[in-house]
PDB file of N, CA and C in Angstrom:
ATOM      1  N   MET A   1       0.988  -1.230  -0.063  1.00  0.00           N
ATOM      2  CA  MET A   1      -0.033   0.130  -0.044  1.00  0.00           C
ATOM      3  C   MET A   1       0.720   1.310   0.033  1.00  0.00           C
ATOM      4  N   MET A   2       1.915   1.463   1.116  1.00  0.00           N
ATOM      5  CA  MET A   2       2.410   2.474   1.088  1.00  0.00           C
ATOM      6  C   MET A   2       4.213   2.201   0.235  1.00  0.00           C
ATOM      7  N   ASN A   3       3.830   2.043  -0.929  1.00  0.00           N
ATOM      8  CA  ASN A   3       5.212   1.897  -1.745  1.00  0.00           C
ATOM      9  C   ASN A   3       5.129   2.982  -2.902  1.00  0.00           C
ATOM     10  N   ASP A   4       4.189   3.344  -3.256  1.00  0.00           N
ATOM     11  CA  ASP A   4       4.242   4.524  -4.569  1.00  0.00           C
ATOM     12  C   ASP A   4       4.576   5.844  -3.909  1.00  0.00           C
ATOM     13  N   ARG A   5       5.713   6.277  -4.419  1.00  0.00           N
ATOM     14  CA  ARG A   5       6.273   7.514  -3.780  1.00  0.00           C
ATOM     15  C   ARG A   5       5.461   8.717  -3.818  1.00  0.00           C
ATOM     16  N   LYS A   6       4.691   8.866  -4.723  1.00  0.00           N
ATOM     17  CA  LYS A   6       3.448  10.137  -4.948  1.00  0.00           C
ATOM     18  C   LYS A   6       2.761   9.739  -3.951  1.00  0.00           C
ATOM     19  N   HIS A   7       1.959   8.518  -3.921  1.00  0.00           N
ATOM     20  CA  HIS A   7       0.962   8.404  -2.955  1.00  0.00           C
ATOM     21  C   HIS A   7       1.675   8.409  -1.327  1.00  0.00           C
ATOM     22  N   ILE A   8       2.724   7.891  -1.006  1.00  0.00           N
ATOM     23  CA  ILE A   8       3.317   8.444   0.233  1.00  0.00           C
ATOM     24  C   ILE A   8       3.235   9.749   0.446  1.00  0.00           C
ATOM     25  N   GLY A   9       3.767  10.692  -0.735  1.00  0.00           N
ATOM     26  CA  GLY A   9       3.845  12.150  -0.417  1.00  0.00           C
ATOM     27  C   GLY A   9       2.757  12.664  -0.164  1.00  0.00           C
ATOM     28  N   ASP A  10       1.376  12.178  -0.984  1.00  0.00           N
ATOM     29  CA  ASP A  10       0.229  12.749  -0.781  1.00  0.00           C
ATOM     30  C   ASP A  10      -0.359  12.227   0.555  1.00  0.00           C
ATOM     31  N   VAL A  11      -0.237  11.253   1.265  1.00  0.00           N
ATOM     32  CA  VAL A  11      -0.699  11.018   2.305  1.00  0.00           C
ATOM     33  C   VAL A  11       0.232  11.673   3.559  1.00  0.00           C
ATOM     34  N   GLY A  12       1.514  11.921   3.434  1.00  0.00           N
ATOM     35  CA  GLY A  12       2.051  12.616   4.411  1.00  0.00           C
ATOM     36  C   GLY A  12       1.871  14.173   4.372  1.00  0.00           C
ATOM     37  N   GLU A  13       1.505  14.544   3.058  1.00  0.00           N
ATOM     38  CA  GLU A  13       0.772  15.946   3.208  1.00  0.00           C
ATOM     39  C   GLU A  13      -0.636  15.975   3.785  1.00  0.00           C
ATOM     40  N   GLU A  14      -1.278  15.119   3.493  1.00  0.00           N
ATOM     41  CA  GLU A  14      -2.647  14.994   4.211  1.00  0.00           C
ATOM     42  C   GLU A  14      -2.647  14.738   5.633  1.00  0.00           C
ATOM     43  N   ARG A  15      -1.648  14.195   6.162  1.00  0.00           N
ATOM     44  CA  ARG A  15      -1.596  14.343   7.795  1.00  0.00           C
ATOM     45  C   ARG A  15      -0.836  15.230   8.421  1.00  0.00           C
ATOM     46  N   ALA A  16      -0.014  15.799   7.613  1.00  0.00           N
ATOM     47  CA  ALA A  16       0.686  17.139   8.187  1.00  0.00           C
ATOM     48  C   ALA A  16      -0.310  18.435   8.131  1.00  0.00           C
ATOM     49  N   LEU A  17      -1.308  18.377   7.124  1.00  0.00           N
ATOM     50  CA  LEU A  17      -2.448  19.355   7.043  1.00  0.00           C
ATOM     51  C   LEU A  17      -3.342  19.253   8.333  1.00  0.00           C
ATOM     52  N   GLU A  18      -3.775  17.798   8.198  1.00  0.00           N
ATOM     53  CA  GLU A  18      -4.660  17.688   9.860  1.00  0.00           C
ATOM     54  C   GLU A  18      -3.714  18.039  11.152  1.00  0.00           C
ATOM     55  N   PHE A  19      -2.707  17.688  11.143  1.00  0.00           N
ATOM     56  CA  PHE A  19      -1.606  18.216  12.270  1.00  0.00           C
ATOM     57  C   PHE A  19      -1.694  19.545  12.616  1.00  0.00           C
ATOM     58  N   LEU A  20      -1.754  20.485  11.458  1.00  0.00           N
ATOM     59  CA  LEU A  20      -1.607  21.870  11.457  1.00  0.00           C
ATOM     60  C   LEU A  20      -2.953  22.412  11.956  1.00  0.00           C
ATOM     61  N   LEU A  21      -3.922  21.694  11.304  1.00  0.00           N
ATOM     62  CA  LEU A  21      -5.351  22.352  11.745  1.00  0.00           C
ATOM     63  C   LEU A  21      -5.869  22.047  13.230  1.00  0.00           C
ATOM     64  N   GLN A  22      -5.580  20.835  13.693  1.00  0.00           N
ATOM     65  CA  GLN A  22      -5.341  20.500  15.125  1.00  0.00           C
ATOM     66  C   GLN A  22      -4.873  21.323  15.982  1.00  0.00           C
ATOM     67  N   LYS A  23      -3.732  21.837  15.541  1.00  0.00           N
ATOM     68  CA  LYS A  23      -2.627  23.094  16.197  1.00  0.00           C
ATOM     69  C   LYS A  23      -3.559  24.087  16.174  1.00  0.00           C
ATOM     70  N   GLY A  24      -4.589  24.667  15.432  1.00  0.00           N
ATOM     71  CA  GLY A  24      -5.139  25.701  15.456  1.00  0.00           C
ATOM     72  C   GLY A  24      -4.885  26.691  13.952  1.00  0.00           C
ATOM     73  N   TYR A  25      -4.034  25.988  13.205  1.00  0.00           N
ATOM     74  CA  TYR A  25      -3.612  26.852  11.773  1.00  0.00           C
ATOM     75  C   TYR A  25      -4.874  26.943  11.086  1.00  0.00           C
ATOM     76  N   GLU A  26      -4.925  27.968  10.198  1.00  0.00           N
ATOM     77  CA  GLU A  26      -6.026  28.137   9.287  1.00  0.00           C
ATOM     78  C   GLU A  26      -5.512  27.960   8.077  1.00  0.00           C
ATOM     79  N   PHE A  27      -5.968  26.737   7.098  1.00  0.00           N
ATOM     80  CA  PHE A  27      -5.862  26.425   5.942  1.00  0.00           C
ATOM     81  C   PHE A  27      -6.004  27.631   4.682  1.00  0.00           C
ATOM     82  N   VAL A  28      -4.935  27.939   3.979  1.00  0.00           N
ATOM     83  CA  VAL A  28      -4.847  28.703   3.005  1.00  0.00           C
ATOM     84  C   VAL A  28      -4.804  28.167   1.775  1.00  0.00           C
ATOM     85  N   SER A  29      -4.029  27.611   1.332  1.00  0.00           N
ATOM     86  CA  SER A  29      -3.729  26.684   0.084  1.00  0.00           C
ATOM     87  C   SER A  29      -2.795  25.559   0.239  1.00  0.00           C
ATOM     88  N   SER A  30      -2.894  24.506  -0.786  1.00  0.00           N
ATOM     89  CA  SER A  30      -1.829  23.589  -0.884  1.00  0.00           C
ATOM     90  C   SER A  30      -1.623  23.509  -2.309  1.00  0.00           C
ATOM     91  N   ASN A  31      -0.329  22.951  -2.394  1.00  0.00           N
ATOM     92  CA  ASN A  31       0.412  22.480  -3.599  1.00  0.00           C
ATOM     93  C   ASN A  31       0.207  24.084  -4.667  1.00  0.00           C
ATOM     94  N   TYR A  32       0.869  24.988  -4.123  1.00  0.00           N
ATOM     95  CA  TYR A  32       0.727  26.189  -5.034  1.00  0.00           C
ATOM     96  C   TYR A  32       2.078  25.964  -5.828  1.00  0.00           C
ATOM     97  N   HIS A  33       1.686  26.369  -7.173  1.00  0.00           N
ATOM     98  CA  HIS A  33       2.977  25.906  -8.040  1.00  0.00           C
ATOM     99  C   HIS A  33       3.623  27.628  -8.827  1.00  0.00           C
ATOM    100  N   SER A  34       4.782  27.663  -8.855  1.00  0.00           N
ATOM    101  CA  SER A  34       5.161  28.697  -9.739  1.00  0.00           C
ATOM    102  C   SER A  34       6.479  27.841 -10.487  1.00  0.00           C
ATOM    103  N   ARG A  35       6.847  28.643 -11.627  1.00  0.00           N
ATOM    104  CA  ARG A  35       7.989  28.401 -12.258  1.00  0.00           C
ATOM    105  C   ARG A  35       9.075  27.823 -11.594  1.00  0.00           C
ATOM    106  N   TYR A  36       9.190  28.160 -10.471  1.00  0.00           N
ATOM    107  CA  TYR A  36      10.314  27.991  -9.535  1.00  0.00           C
ATOM    108  C   TYR A  36      10.327  26.721  -8.729  1.00  0.00           C
ATOM    109  N   GLY A  37       8.962  26.667  -8.513  1.00  0.00           N
ATOM    110  CA  GLY A  37       8.679  25.229  -7.547  1.00  0.00           C
ATOM    111  C   GLY A  37       7.402  25.071  -6.885  1.00  0.00           C
ATOM    112  N   GLU A  38       7.330  24.561  -5.835  1.00  0.00           N
ATOM    113  CA  GLU A  38       5.995  24.031  -5.105  1.00  0.00           C
ATOM    114  C   GLU A  38       6.316  24.651  -3.738  1.00  0.00           C
ATOM    115  N   ILE A  39       4.934  25.031  -3.303  1.00  0.00           N
ATOM    116  CA  ILE A  39       5.020  24.923  -1.697  1.00  0.00           C
ATOM    117  C   ILE A  39       3.679  24.053  -1.383  1.00  0.00           C
ATOM    118  N   ASP A  40       3.893  23.069  -0.530  1.00  0.00           N
ATOM    119  CA  ASP A  40       3.071  21.968  -0.176  1.00  0.00           C
ATOM    120  C   ASP A  40       2.171  22.681   0.568  1.00  0.00           C
ATOM    121  N   ILE A  41       2.181  23.349   1.561  1.00  0.00           N
ATOM    122  CA  ILE A  41       1.201  23.850   2.461  1.00  0.00           C
ATOM    123  C   ILE A  41       1.163  25.363   2.690  1.00  0.00           C
ATOM    124  N   ILE A  42       0.069  26.320   2.623  1.00  0.00           N
ATOM    125  CA  ILE A  42       0.164  27.688   3.235  1.00  0.00           C
ATOM    126  C   ILE A  42      -0.929  27.690   3.939  1.00  0.00           C
ATOM    127  N   ALA A  43      -0.366  28.155   5.112  1.00  0.00           N
ATOM    128  CA  ALA A  43      -1.677  28.333   6.293  1.00  0.00           C
ATOM    129  C   ALA A  43      -1.289  29.602   6.928  1.00  0.00           C
ATOM    130  N   LYS A  44      -2.302  29.766   8.029  1.00  0.00           N
ATOM    131  CA  LYS A  44      -1.978  31.108   8.642  1.00  0.00           C
ATOM    132  C   LYS A  44      -1.916  30.589  10.025  1.00  0.00           C
ATOM    133  N   ASN A  45      -1.311  31.437  10.972  1.00  0.00           N
ATOM    134  CA  ASN A  45      -1.196  31.138  12.601  1.00  0.00           C
ATOM    135  C   ASN A  45      -0.966  32.537  13.202  1.00  0.00           C
ATOM    136  N   GLY A  46      -1.866  33.218  13.639  1.00  0.00           N
ATOM    137  CA  GLY A  46      -1.494  34.186  14.337  1.00  0.00           C
ATOM    138  C   GLY A  46      -0.679  35.399  13.524  1.00  0.00           C
ATOM    139  N   GLU A  47       0.128  35.616  13.615  1.00  0.00           N
ATOM    140  CA  GLU A  47       0.863  36.753  13.032  1.00  0.00           C
ATOM    141  C   GLU A  47       1.712  36.388  11.814  1.00  0.00           C
ATOM    142  N   TYR A  48       1.379  34.948  11.508  1.00  0.00           N
ATOM    143  CA  TYR A  48       2.014  34.532  10.514  1.00  0.00           C
ATOM    144  C   TYR A  48       1.418  33.958   9.258  1.00  0.00           C
ATOM    145  N   ILE A  49       2.103  33.880   8.290  1.00  0.00           N
ATOM    146  CA  ILE A  49       1.615  33.328   7.075  1.00  0.00           C
ATOM    147  C   ILE A  49       2.678  32.386   6.805  1.00  0.00           C
ATOM    148  N   VAL A  50       2.349  31.081   6.971  1.00  0.00           N
ATOM    149  CA  VAL A  50       3.109  29.966   7.045  1.00  0.00           C
ATOM    150  C   VAL A  50       3.366  29.083   5.837  1.00  0.00           C
ATOM    151  N   PHE A  51       4.609  29.073   5.149  1.00  0.00           N
ATOM    152  CA  PHE A  51       4.804  28.192   3.876  1.00  0.00           C
ATOM    153  C   PHE A  51       5.743  26.953   4.419  1.00  0.00           C
ATOM    154  N   ALA A  52       4.616  25.803   4.530  1.00  0.00           N
ATOM    155  CA  ALA A  52       5.297  24.611   4.955  1.00  0.00           C
ATOM    156  C   ALA A  52       5.780  23.468   3.867  1.00  0.00           C
ATOM    157  N   GLU A  53       6.907  23.130   4.115  1.00  0.00           N
ATOM    158  CA  GLU A  53       7.320  22.124   3.078  1.00  0.00           C
ATOM    159  C   GLU A  53       7.124  20.837   3.771  1.00  0.00           C
ATOM    160  N   VAL A  54       6.410  19.757   3.106  1.00  0.00           N
ATOM    161  CA  VAL A  54       6.224  18.615   3.803  1.00  0.00           C
ATOM    162  C   VAL A  54       7.320  17.528   3.348  1.00  0.00           C
ATOM    163  N   LYS A  55       7.981  16.643   3.964  1.00  0.00           N
ATOM    164  CA  LYS A  55       8.872  15.581   3.985  1.00  0.00           C
ATOM    165  C   LYS A  55       8.399  14.317   4.382  1.00  0.00           C
ATOM    166  N   THR A  56       8.183  13.466   3.809  1.00  0.00           N
ATOM    167  CA  THR A  56       7.675  12.232   4.081  1.00  0.00           C
ATOM    168  C   THR A  56       8.706  10.824   3.863  1.00  0.00           C
ATOM    169  N   ARG A  57       9.054  10.321   4.995  1.00  0.00           N
ATOM    170  CA  ARG A  57       9.833   9.102   4.895  1.00  0.00           C
ATOM    171  C   ARG A  57       9.502   7.982   5.761  1.00  0.00           C
ATOM    172  N   LYS A  58       9.855   6.820   5.296  1.00  0.00           N
ATOM    173  CA  LYS A  58      10.119   5.559   6.262  1.00  0.00           C
ATOM    174  C   LYS A  58      10.867   5.973   7.506  1.00  0.00           C
ATOM    175  N   THR A  59      10.273   4.997   8.401  1.00  0.00           N
ATOM    176  CA  THR A  59      11.108   4.938   9.744  1.00  0.00           C
ATOM    177  C   THR A  59      12.502   4.150   9.211  1.00  0.00           C
ATOM    178  N   GLY A  60      13.591   4.663   9.763  1.00  0.00           N
ATOM    179  CA  GLY A  60      14.888   3.877   9.737  1.00  0.00           C
ATOM    180  C   GLY A  60      15.626   4.552   8.074  1.00  0.00           C
ATOM    181  N   SER A  61      14.903   5.823   7.626  1.00  0.00           N
ATOM    182  CA  SER A  61      15.626   6.217   6.442  1.00  0.00           C
ATOM    183  C   SER A  61      17.002   6.774   6.680  1.00  0.00           C
ATOM    184  N   LEU A  62      18.065   7.061   5.740  1.00  0.00           N
ATOM    185  CA  LEU A  62      19.066   7.435   5.979  1.00  0.00           C
ATOM    186  C   LEU A  62      19.396   8.672   6.761  1.00  0.00           C
ATOM    187  N   ALA A  63      18.477   9.660   6.227  1.00  0.00           N
ATOM    188  CA  ALA A  63      18.413  10.938   6.842  1.00  0.00           C
ATOM    189  C   ALA A  63      17.112  11.058   7.358  1.00  0.00           C
ATOM    190  N   THR A  64      17.141  12.258   8.032  1.00  0.00           N
ATOM    191  CA  THR A  64      16.049  13.012   8.878  1.00  0.00           C
ATOM    192  C   THR A  64      15.158  13.568   7.350  1.00  0.00           C
ATOM    193  N   PRO A  65      13.781  13.510   7.622  1.00  0.00           N
ATOM    194  CA  PRO A  65      13.255  14.298   6.453  1.00  0.00           C
ATOM    195  C   PRO A  65      13.614  15.503   6.103  1.00  0.00           C
ATOM    196  N   SER A  66      13.987  16.427   7.027  1.00  0.00           N
ATOM    197  CA  SER A  66      14.041  17.796   7.023  1.00  0.00           C
ATOM    198  C   SER A  66      15.470  17.699   6.379  1.00  0.00           C
ATOM    199  N   GLU A  67      16.356  16.885   6.424  1.00  0.00           N
ATOM    200  CA  GLU A  67      17.778  17.015   5.833  1.00  0.00           C
ATOM    201  C   GLU A  67      17.712  16.790   4.043  1.00  0.00           C
ATOM    202  N   PHE A  68      16.354  16.521   3.661  1.00  0.00           N
ATOM    203  CA  PHE A  68      16.256  16.724   2.134  1.00  0.00           C
ATOM    204  C   PHE A  68      15.703  18.032   1.798  1.00  0.00           C
ATOM    205  N   VAL A  69      15.596  18.792   2.750  1.00  0.00           N
ATOM    206  CA  VAL A  69      15.498  20.199   2.401  1.00  0.00           C
ATOM    207  C   VAL A  69      16.503  21.036   2.040  1.00  0.00           C
ATOM    208  N   ASP A  70      17.328  21.026   1.273  1.00  0.00           N
ATOM    209  CA  ASP A  70      18.768  21.658   1.173  1.00  0.00           C
ATOM    210  C   ASP A  70      18.576  22.920   0.583  1.00  0.00           C
ATOM    211  N   PHE A  71      19.670  23.796   0.572  1.00  0.00           N
ATOM    212  CA  PHE A  71      19.598  25.024   0.438  1.00  0.00           C
ATOM    213  C   PHE A  71      18.891  25.497  -0.960  1.00  0.00           C
ATOM    214  N   ARG A  72      19.139  24.626  -1.916  1.00  0.00           N
ATOM    215  CA  ARG A  72      18.526  24.917  -3.105  1.00  0.00           C
ATOM    216  C   ARG A  72      17.175  24.760  -2.994  1.00  0.00           C
ATOM    217  N   LYS A  73      16.889  23.597  -2.279  1.00  0.00           N
ATOM    218  CA  LYS A  73      15.017  23.743  -2.335  1.00  0.00           C
ATOM    219  C   LYS A  73      14.744  24.952  -1.530  1.00  0.00           C
ATOM    220  N   GLN A  74      15.315  25.254  -0.602  1.00  0.00           N
ATOM    221  CA  GLN A  74      14.944  26.248   0.415  1.00  0.00           C
ATOM    222  C   GLN A  74      14.681  27.801  -0.573  1.00  0.00           C
ATOM    223  N   LYS A  75      15.855  27.857  -1.479  1.00  0.00           N
ATOM    224  CA  LYS A  75      15.694  29.035  -2.257  1.00  0.00           C
ATOM    225  C   LYS A  75      14.459  29.124  -3.225  1.00  0.00           C
ATOM    226  N   ARG A  76      14.210  27.894  -3.889  1.00  0.00           N
ATOM    227  CA  ARG A  76      12.943  27.562  -4.524  1.00  0.00           C
ATOM    228  C   ARG A  76      11.782  28.212  -3.624  1.00  0.00           C
ATOM    229  N   ILE A  77      11.502  27.438  -2.535  1.00  0.00           N
ATOM    230  CA  ILE A  77      10.560  27.706  -1.702  1.00  0.00           C
ATOM    231  C   ILE A  77      10.182  29.165  -1.486  1.00  0.00           C
ATOM    232  N   ILE A  78      11.406  29.984  -1.018  1.00  0.00           N
ATOM    233  CA  ILE A  78      11.461  31.357  -0.702  1.00  0.00           C
ATOM    234  C   ILE A  78      10.958  32.192  -2.079  1.00  0.00           C
ATOM    235  N   THR A  79      11.615  31.682  -3.399  1.00  0.00           N
ATOM    236  CA  THR A  79      11.197  32.539  -4.583  1.00  0.00           C
ATOM    237  C   THR A  79       9.574  32.283  -4.748  1.00  0.00           C
ATOM    238  N   THR A  80       9.363  31.031  -4.572  1.00  0.00           N
ATOM    239  CA  THR A  80       7.676  30.726  -5.165  1.00  0.00           C
ATOM    240  C   THR A  80       7.021  31.528  -3.769  1.00  0.00           C
ATOM    241  N   ALA A  81       7.275  31.365  -2.811  1.00  0.00           N
ATOM    242  CA  ALA A  81       6.345  32.301  -1.564  1.00  0.00           C
ATOM    243  C   ALA A  81       6.420  33.910  -1.943  1.00  0.00           C
ATOM    244  N   LYS A  82       7.713  34.428  -2.548  1.00  0.00           N
ATOM    245  CA  LYS A  82       7.736  35.634  -2.846  1.00  0.00           C
ATOM    246  C   LYS A  82       6.601  36.102  -4.001  1.00  0.00           C
ATOM    247  N   ILE A  83       6.532  35.199  -5.021  1.00  0.00           N
ATOM    248  CA  ILE A  83       5.474  35.381  -6.142  1.00  0.00           C
ATOM    249  C   ILE A  83       4.401  35.230  -5.441  1.00  0.00           C
ATOM    250  N   TYR A  84       3.845  34.382  -4.483  1.00  0.00           N
ATOM    251  CA  TYR A  84       2.740  33.869  -4.154  1.00  0.00           C
ATOM    252  C   TYR A  84       2.324  35.399  -3.534  1.00  0.00           C
ATOM    253  N   LEU A  85       3.084  35.745  -2.503  1.00  0.00           N
ATOM    254  CA  LEU A  85       2.835  37.033  -1.733  1.00  0.00           C
ATOM    255  C   LEU A  85       2.497  38.172  -2.804  1.00  0.00           C
ATOM    256  N   SER A  86       3.300  38.355  -3.685  1.00  0.00           N
ATOM    257  CA  SER A  86       2.915  39.411  -4.766  1.00  0.00           C
ATOM    258  C   SER A  86       1.563  39.283  -5.436  1.00  0.00           C
ATOM    259  N   GLU A  87       0.768  38.195  -5.661  1.00  0.00           N
ATOM    260  CA  GLU A  87      -0.416  37.821  -5.983  1.00  0.00           C
ATOM    261  C   GLU A  87      -1.327  38.018  -4.859  1.00  0.00           C
ATOM    262  N   ASN A  88      -0.976  37.859  -3.587  1.00  0.00           N
ATOM    263  CA  ASN A  88      -1.831  37.631  -2.594  1.00  0.00           C
ATOM    264  C   ASN A  88      -1.297  38.277  -1.253  1.00  0.00           C
ATOM    265  N   PRO A  89      -1.069  39.707  -1.286  1.00  0.00           N
ATOM    266  CA  PRO A  89      -0.528  40.348  -0.424  1.00  0.00           C
ATOM    267  C   PRO A  89      -1.374  40.160   1.102  1.00  0.00           C
ATOM    268  N   THR A  90      -0.483  40.383   1.906  1.00  0.00           N
ATOM    269  CA  THR A  90      -1.102  40.310   3.397  1.00  0.00           C
ATOM    270  C   THR A  90      -0.042  41.036   4.380  1.00  0.00           C
ATOM    271  N   GLU A  91      -0.777  41.226   5.505  1.00  0.00           N
ATOM    272  CA  GLU A  91       0.126  41.958   6.450  1.00  0.00           C
ATOM    273  C   GLU A  91       0.939  41.020   7.420  1.00  0.00           C
ATOM    274  N   LEU A  92       0.464  39.542   7.201  1.00  0.00           N
ATOM    275  CA  LEU A  92       1.268  38.451   7.851  1.00  0.00           C
ATOM    276  C   LEU A  92       2.743  38.544   7.754  1.00  0.00           C
ATOM    277  N   GLN A  93       3.291  38.097   8.548  1.00  0.00           N
ATOM    278  CA  GLN A  93       4.942  38.161   8.654  1.00  0.00           C
ATOM    279  C   GLN A  93       5.140  36.459   7.948  1.00  0.00           C
ATOM    280  N   PRO A  94       5.636  36.193   6.808  1.00  0.00           N
ATOM    281  CA  PRO A  94       6.069  35.255   6.149  1.00  0.00           C
ATOM    282  C   PRO A  94       7.036  34.100   7.051  1.00  0.00           C
ATOM    283  N   ARG A  95       6.663  32.868   7.201  1.00  0.00           N
ATOM    284  CA  ARG A  95       7.725  32.017   8.267  1.00  0.00           C
ATOM    285  C   ARG A  95       7.639  30.700   7.207  1.00  0.00           C
ATOM    286  N   PHE A  96       9.030  29.988   7.260  1.00  0.00           N
ATOM    287  CA  PHE A  96       8.926  28.845   6.528  1.00  0.00           C
ATOM    288  C   PHE A  96       9.453  27.832   7.514  1.00  0.00           C
ATOM    289  N   ASP A  97       8.372  26.658   7.301  1.00  0.00           N
ATOM    290  CA  ASP A  97       8.224  25.812   8.324  1.00  0.00           C
ATOM    291  C   ASP A  97       8.890  24.424   7.280  1.00  0.00           C
ATOM    292  N   VAL A  98       8.999  23.174   8.044  1.00  0.00           N
ATOM    293  CA  VAL A  98       9.494  22.044   7.563  1.00  0.00           C
ATOM    294  C   VAL A  98       8.454  21.264   8.483  1.00  0.00           C
ATOM    295  N   ILE A  99       7.744  20.095   7.824  1.00  0.00           N
ATOM    296  CA  ILE A  99       7.127  19.323   8.492  1.00  0.00           C
ATOM    297  C   ILE A  99       7.364  18.082   7.934  1.00  0.00           C
ATOM    298  N   GLU A 100       7.913  17.345   9.041  1.00  0.00           N
ATOM    299  CA  GLU A 100       8.473  15.930   8.920  1.00  0.00           C
ATOM    300  C   GLU A 100       7.621  14.832   9.241  1.00  0.00           C
ATOM    301  N   VAL A 101       7.181  13.949   8.253  1.00  0.00           N
ATOM    302  CA  VAL A 101       6.173  12.892   8.551  1.00  0.00           C
ATOM    303  C   VAL A 101       6.759  11.666   8.346  1.00  0.00           C
ATOM    304  N   THR A 102       7.025  10.887   9.587  1.00  0.00           N
ATOM    305  CA  THR A 102       7.752   9.547   9.260  1.00  0.00           C
ATOM    306  C   THR A 102       6.664   8.500   9.706  1.00  0.00           C
ATOM    307  N   TYR A 103       6.759   7.111   8.775  1.00  0.00           N
ATOM    308  CA  TYR A 103       5.677   6.497   8.574  1.00  0.00           C
ATOM    309  C   TYR A 103       6.506   5.239   9.032  1.00  0.00           C
ATOM    310  N   MET A 104       5.719   4.154   9.603  1.00  0.00           N
ATOM    311  CA  MET A 104       6.077   2.753   9.586  1.00  0.00           C
ATOM    312  C   MET A 104       4.826   2.190   9.690  1.00  0.00           C
ATOM    313  N   GLY A 105       4.656   1.321   8.633  1.00  0.00           N
ATOM    314  CA  GLY A 105       3.352   0.752   8.024  1.00  0.00           C
ATOM    315  C   GLY A 105       1.993   1.820   8.309  1.00  0.00           C
ATOM    316  N   ASN A 106       1.291   1.817   9.032  1.00  0.00           N
ATOM    317  CA  ASN A 106       0.040   2.614   8.944  1.00  0.00           C
ATOM    318  C   ASN A 106       0.123   3.781   9.954  1.00  0.00           C
ATOM    319  N   GLU A 107       1.289   3.655  10.982  1.00  0.00           N
ATOM    320  CA  GLU A 107       1.688   4.749  11.852  1.00  0.00           C
ATOM    321  C   GLU A 107       2.352   5.855  11.413  1.00  0.00           C
ATOM    322  N   PHE A 108       2.032   7.096  11.883  1.00  0.00           N
ATOM    323  CA  PHE A 108       2.617   8.224  11.224  1.00  0.00           C
ATOM    324  C   PHE A 108       3.140   9.064  12.568  1.00  0.00           C
ATOM    325  N   GLU A 109       4.368   9.671  12.442  1.00  0.00           N
ATOM    326  CA  GLU A 109       4.884  10.576  13.553  1.00  0.00           C
ATOM    327  C   GLU A 109       5.341  11.756  12.729  1.00  0.00           C
ATOM    328  N   ILE A 110       4.792  12.985  13.402  1.00  0.00           N
ATOM    329  CA  ILE A 110       4.738  14.138  12.705  1.00  0.00           C
ATOM    330  C   ILE A 110       5.821  15.328  13.674  1.00  0.00           C
ATOM    331  N   GLU A 111       7.013  15.582  13.198  1.00  0.00           N
ATOM    332  CA  GLU A 111       7.563  16.362  13.559  1.00  0.00           C
ATOM    333  C   GLU A 111       7.495  18.053  12.612  1.00  0.00           C
ATOM    334  N   HIS A 112       7.262  18.933  13.466  1.00  0.00           N
ATOM    335  CA  HIS A 112       6.962  20.401  13.013  1.00  0.00           C
ATOM    336  C   HIS A 112       8.132  21.229  13.433  1.00  0.00           C
ATOM    337  N   ILE A 113       8.800  21.658  11.947  1.00  0.00           N
ATOM    338  CA  ILE A 113      10.285  22.471  12.835  1.00  0.00           C
ATOM    339  C   ILE A 113       9.470  23.872  12.301  1.00  0.00           C
ATOM    340  N   GLU A 114       9.182  24.675  13.103  1.00  0.00           N
ATOM    341  CA  GLU A 114       8.985  26.224  12.823  1.00  0.00           C
ATOM    342  C   GLU A 114      10.278  26.946  12.557  1.00  0.00           C
ATOM    343  N   ASN A 115      10.179  27.931  11.750  1.00  0.00           N
ATOM    344  CA  ASN A 115      11.045  28.621  11.302  1.00  0.00           C
ATOM    345  C   ASN A 115      12.230  28.038  10.727  1.00  0.00           C
ATOM    346  N   ALA A 116      12.217  26.986  10.073  1.00  0.00           N
ATOM    347  CA  ALA A 116      13.170  26.074   9.681  1.00  0.00           C
ATOM    348  C   ALA A 116      14.257  26.608   8.937  1.00  0.00           C
ATOM    349  N   PHE A 117      13.759  27.739   8.123  1.00  0.00           N
ATOM    350  CA  PHE A 117      14.659  28.482   7.326  1.00  0.00           C
ATOM    351  C   PHE A 117      14.178  29.691   6.875  1.00  0.00           C
ATOM    352  N   GLY A 118      15.083  30.611   6.198  1.00  0.00           N
ATOM    353  CA  GLY A 118      14.397  31.867   5.599  1.00  0.00           C
ATOM    354  C   GLY A 118      15.821  32.678   4.873  1.00  0.00           C
ATOM    355  N   GLU A 119      15.501  33.910   4.448  1.00  0.00           N
ATOM    356  CA  GLU A 119      16.478  34.421   3.772  1.00  0.00           C
ATOM    357  C   GLU A 119      17.684  35.067   4.633  1.00  0.00           C
TER     358      GLU A 119
END
């Protein structure tokens, strides 16, 4: 069941969004695309508009999910967020989070890293 990478990523994003909503975040958008990249989840929380990158991996992977959000990936996310903000102006402060979703079978563990990177 959990062997197709796209399916695994989609399930991880669903779990991450459920997690944010349970923490009181307000959903704004998901899978926002620009020519530079994609932002998995956009949400609001208090004074922040949060651009969240979701990384899903199996338990026992060689690296933590957040280690796959390298500098190049961060720059693409930041550039895409700037485009989003130019199209959707807000007074909220942008913040870049990484949400690690680790699974073993049907069990999911979520680690939310707030303010994981920035300019």
